[in-house]
Amino acid sequence: MLVKLFVGNLPWSVGDADLERIFSPHGDVQSARVINDRDTGRSRGFGFVEIDVDDVSAVIRATDGQEIAGRPLRVNEAEDKGRGGRGGFGGGGGGGGGRGGF
């Protein structure tokens, strides 16, 4: 099953090939991408891996917390952008208006 994983807390020195190398023992890596800052080109400290695996939980258990250059990786299943999740301005606390007891 093809899954997309979020990988956080990456050292600045980790690139796409390094990310692929970390996950390749656990399944067939389709893509591995470290996200870089648009302006500076520097790593933003996180990335995404698309990997074909039978048991995504086993991959997460094996890699979450693994230390790379002294930093423990944070690995979990990536959330789809379209699934709501973060962002947006969800409804909100209506008014109080009125004339205060007249």
C-alpha atoms as a PDB file:
ATOM      1  CA  MET A   1       0.000   0.000   0.000  1.00  0.00           C
ATOM      2  CA  LEU A   2       1.411   3.390  -1.003  1.00  0.00           C
ATOM      3  CA  VAL A   3       1.471   5.854   1.898  1.00  0.00           C
ATOM      4  CA  LYS A   4       2.814   9.359   2.377  1.00  0.00           C
ATOM      5  CA  LEU A   5       4.777   9.999   5.544  1.00  0.00           C
ATOM      6  CA  PHE A   6       5.625  13.327   7.139  1.00  0.00           C
ATOM      7  CA  VAL A   7       9.183  13.404   8.489  1.00  0.00           C
ATOM      8  CA  GLY A   8       9.988  16.242  10.872  1.00  0.00           C
ATOM      9  CA  ASN A   9      12.919  17.448  12.959  1.00  0.00           C
ATOM     10  CA  LEU A  10      15.373  16.809  10.127  1.00  0.00           C
ATOM     11  CA  PRO A  11      18.899  18.167  10.487  1.00  0.00           C
ATOM     12  CA  TRP A  12      19.631  20.946   7.973  1.00  0.00           C
ATOM     13  CA  SER A  13      22.253  18.714   6.336  1.00  0.00           C
ATOM     14  CA  VAL A  14      19.777  15.996   5.264  1.00  0.00           C
ATOM     15  CA  GLY A  15      18.833  15.982   1.581  1.00  0.00           C
ATOM     16  CA  ASP A  16      16.432  13.998  -0.583  1.00  0.00           C
ATOM     17  CA  ALA A  17      18.880  11.113  -1.144  1.00  0.00           C
ATOM     18  CA  ASP A  18      19.551  10.845   2.604  1.00  0.00           C
ATOM     19  CA  LEU A  19      15.831  10.696   3.318  1.00  0.00           C
ATOM     20  CA  GLU A  20      15.413   7.929   0.744  1.00  0.00           C
ATOM     21  CA  ARG A  21      18.326   6.014   2.290  1.00  0.00           C
ATOM     22  CA  ILE A  22      16.729   6.205   5.752  1.00  0.00           C
ATOM     23  CA  PHE A  23      13.439   4.703   4.559  1.00  0.00           C
ATOM     24  CA  SER A  24      14.537   2.277   1.813  1.00  0.00           C
ATOM     25  CA  PRO A  25      15.199  -0.634   4.236  1.00  0.00           C
ATOM     26  CA  HIS A  26      11.512  -0.469   5.206  1.00  0.00           C
ATOM     27  CA  GLY A  27       9.836  -0.567   1.793  1.00  0.00           C
ATOM     28  CA  ASP A  28       9.874   0.581  -1.822  1.00  0.00           C
ATOM     29  CA  VAL A  29      10.444   4.358  -1.677  1.00  0.00           C
ATOM     30  CA  GLN A  30       8.594   6.065  -4.539  1.00  0.00           C
ATOM     31  CA  SER A  31       9.707   9.585  -3.622  1.00  0.00           C
ATOM     32  CA  ALA A  32      11.589  11.354  -0.856  1.00  0.00           C
ATOM     33  CA  ARG A  33      11.627  15.133  -0.667  1.00  0.00           C
ATOM     34  CA  VAL A  34      13.057  17.552   1.868  1.00  0.00           C
ATOM     35  CA  ILE A  35      11.151  20.844   1.815  1.00  0.00           C
ATOM     36  CA  ASN A  36      13.337  23.900   1.292  1.00  0.00           C
ATOM     37  CA  ASP A  37      12.648  27.559   1.983  1.00  0.00           C
ATOM     38  CA  ARG A  38      11.695  29.314  -1.250  1.00  0.00           C
ATOM     39  CA  ASP A  39      13.803  32.382  -0.553  1.00  0.00           C
ATOM     40  CA  THR A  40      16.947  30.937   1.004  1.00  0.00           C
ATOM     41  CA  GLY A  41      16.977  27.428  -0.470  1.00  0.00           C
ATOM     42  CA  ARG A  42      17.765  26.125   3.016  1.00  0.00           C
ATOM     43  CA  SER A  43      15.999  23.071   4.420  1.00  0.00           C
ATOM     44  CA  ARG A  44      12.909  23.837   6.488  1.00  0.00           C
ATOM     45  CA  GLY A  45      13.640  20.799   8.659  1.00  0.00           C
ATOM     46  CA  PHE A  46      10.915  18.514   7.358  1.00  0.00           C
ATOM     47  CA  GLY A  47      10.042  16.432   4.340  1.00  0.00           C
ATOM     48  CA  PHE A  48       7.774  13.792   2.871  1.00  0.00           C
ATOM     49  CA  VAL A  49       8.347  10.190   1.841  1.00  0.00           C
ATOM     50  CA  GLU A  50       6.026   8.159  -0.361  1.00  0.00           C
ATOM     51  CA  ILE A  51       6.660   4.498   0.331  1.00  0.00           C
ATOM     52  CA  ASP A  52       4.997   1.248  -0.700  1.00  0.00           C
ATOM     53  CA  VAL A  53       4.650  -0.917   2.423  1.00  0.00           C
ATOM     54  CA  ASP A  54       2.416  -3.621   3.872  1.00  0.00           C
ATOM     55  CA  ASP A  55       2.443  -2.277   7.437  1.00  0.00           C
ATOM     56  CA  VAL A  56       2.764   1.502   7.759  1.00  0.00           C
ATOM     57  CA  SER A  57       2.636   1.270  11.560  1.00  0.00           C
ATOM     58  CA  ALA A  58       5.786  -0.868  11.575  1.00  0.00           C
ATOM     59  CA  VAL A  59       7.640   1.684   9.439  1.00  0.00           C
ATOM     60  CA  ILE A  60       6.589   4.533  11.718  1.00  0.00           C
ATOM     61  CA  ARG A  61       7.620   2.580  14.832  1.00  0.00           C
ATOM     62  CA  ALA A  62      11.004   1.769  13.276  1.00  0.00           C
ATOM     63  CA  THR A  63      11.830   5.319  12.182  1.00  0.00           C
ATOM     64  CA  ASP A  64      10.061   7.675  14.618  1.00  0.00           C
ATOM     65  CA  GLY A  65      12.634   8.769  17.178  1.00  0.00           C
ATOM     66  CA  GLN A  66      15.572   7.432  15.142  1.00  0.00           C
ATOM     67  CA  GLU A  67      18.496   9.816  15.638  1.00  0.00           C
ATOM     68  CA  ILE A  68      20.096  11.438  12.626  1.00  0.00           C
ATOM     69  CA  ALA A  69      22.985  13.802  13.369  1.00  0.00           C
ATOM     70  CA  GLY A  70      21.837  14.019  16.987  1.00  0.00           C
ATOM     71  CA  ARG A  71      18.203  14.859  16.189  1.00  0.00           C
ATOM     72  CA  PRO A  72      15.337  12.403  16.768  1.00  0.00           C
ATOM     73  CA  LEU A  73      13.123  12.115  13.692  1.00  0.00           C
ATOM     74  CA  ARG A  74       9.397  12.699  14.032  1.00  0.00           C
ATOM     75  CA  VAL A  75       7.538  10.417  11.635  1.00  0.00           C
ATOM     76  CA  ASN A  76       3.807  10.073  11.086  1.00  0.00           C
ATOM     77  CA  GLU A  77       1.333   9.599   8.293  1.00  0.00           C
ATOM     78  CA  ALA A  78       0.944  12.805   6.293  1.00  0.00           C
ATOM     79  CA  GLU A  79      -2.451  14.508   6.281  1.00  0.00           C
ATOM     80  CA  ASP A  80      -4.079  15.248   2.951  1.00  0.00           C
ATOM     81  CA  LYS A  81      -4.360  18.964   2.299  1.00  0.00           C
ATOM     82  CA  GLY A  82      -7.954  18.556   1.199  1.00  0.00           C
ATOM     83  CA  ARG A  83      -9.093  16.800   4.387  1.00  0.00           C
ATOM     84  CA  GLY A  84      -9.762  19.932   6.342  1.00  0.00           C
ATOM     85  CA  GLY A  85      -7.163  19.620   9.031  1.00  0.00           C
ATOM     86  CA  ARG A  86      -5.362  22.864   9.569  1.00  0.00           C
ATOM     87  CA  GLY A  87      -6.045  26.258   8.172  1.00  0.00           C
ATOM     88  CA  GLY A  88      -9.248  27.986   7.379  1.00  0.00           C
ATOM     89  CA  PHE A  89     -11.379  30.087   9.617  1.00  0.00           C
ATOM     90  CA  GLY A  90     -14.014  27.857  11.089  1.00  0.00           C
ATOM     91  CA  GLY A  91     -17.215  29.617  11.986  1.00  0.00           C
ATOM     92  CA  GLY A  92     -17.062  31.456  15.078  1.00  0.00           C
ATOM     93  CA  GLY A  93     -18.297  32.844  18.168  1.00  0.00           C
ATOM     94  CA  GLY A  94     -21.246  35.028  17.245  1.00  0.00           C
ATOM     95  CA  GLY A  95     -21.987  38.270  18.681  1.00  0.00           C
ATOM     96  CA  GLY A  96     -23.118  39.432  22.066  1.00  0.00           C
ATOM     97  CA  GLY A  97     -24.718  42.499  20.581  1.00  0.00           C
ATOM     98  CA  GLY A  98     -28.115  43.513  21.793  1.00  0.00           C
ATOM     99  CA  ARG A  99     -29.098  46.383  24.017  1.00  0.00           C
ATOM    100  CA  GLY A 100     -27.990  45.052  27.335  1.00  0.00           C
ATOM    101  CA  GLY A 101     -31.139  44.630  29.409  1.00  0.00           C
ATOM    102  CA  PHE A 102     -33.327  47.572  28.448  1.00  0.00           C
END
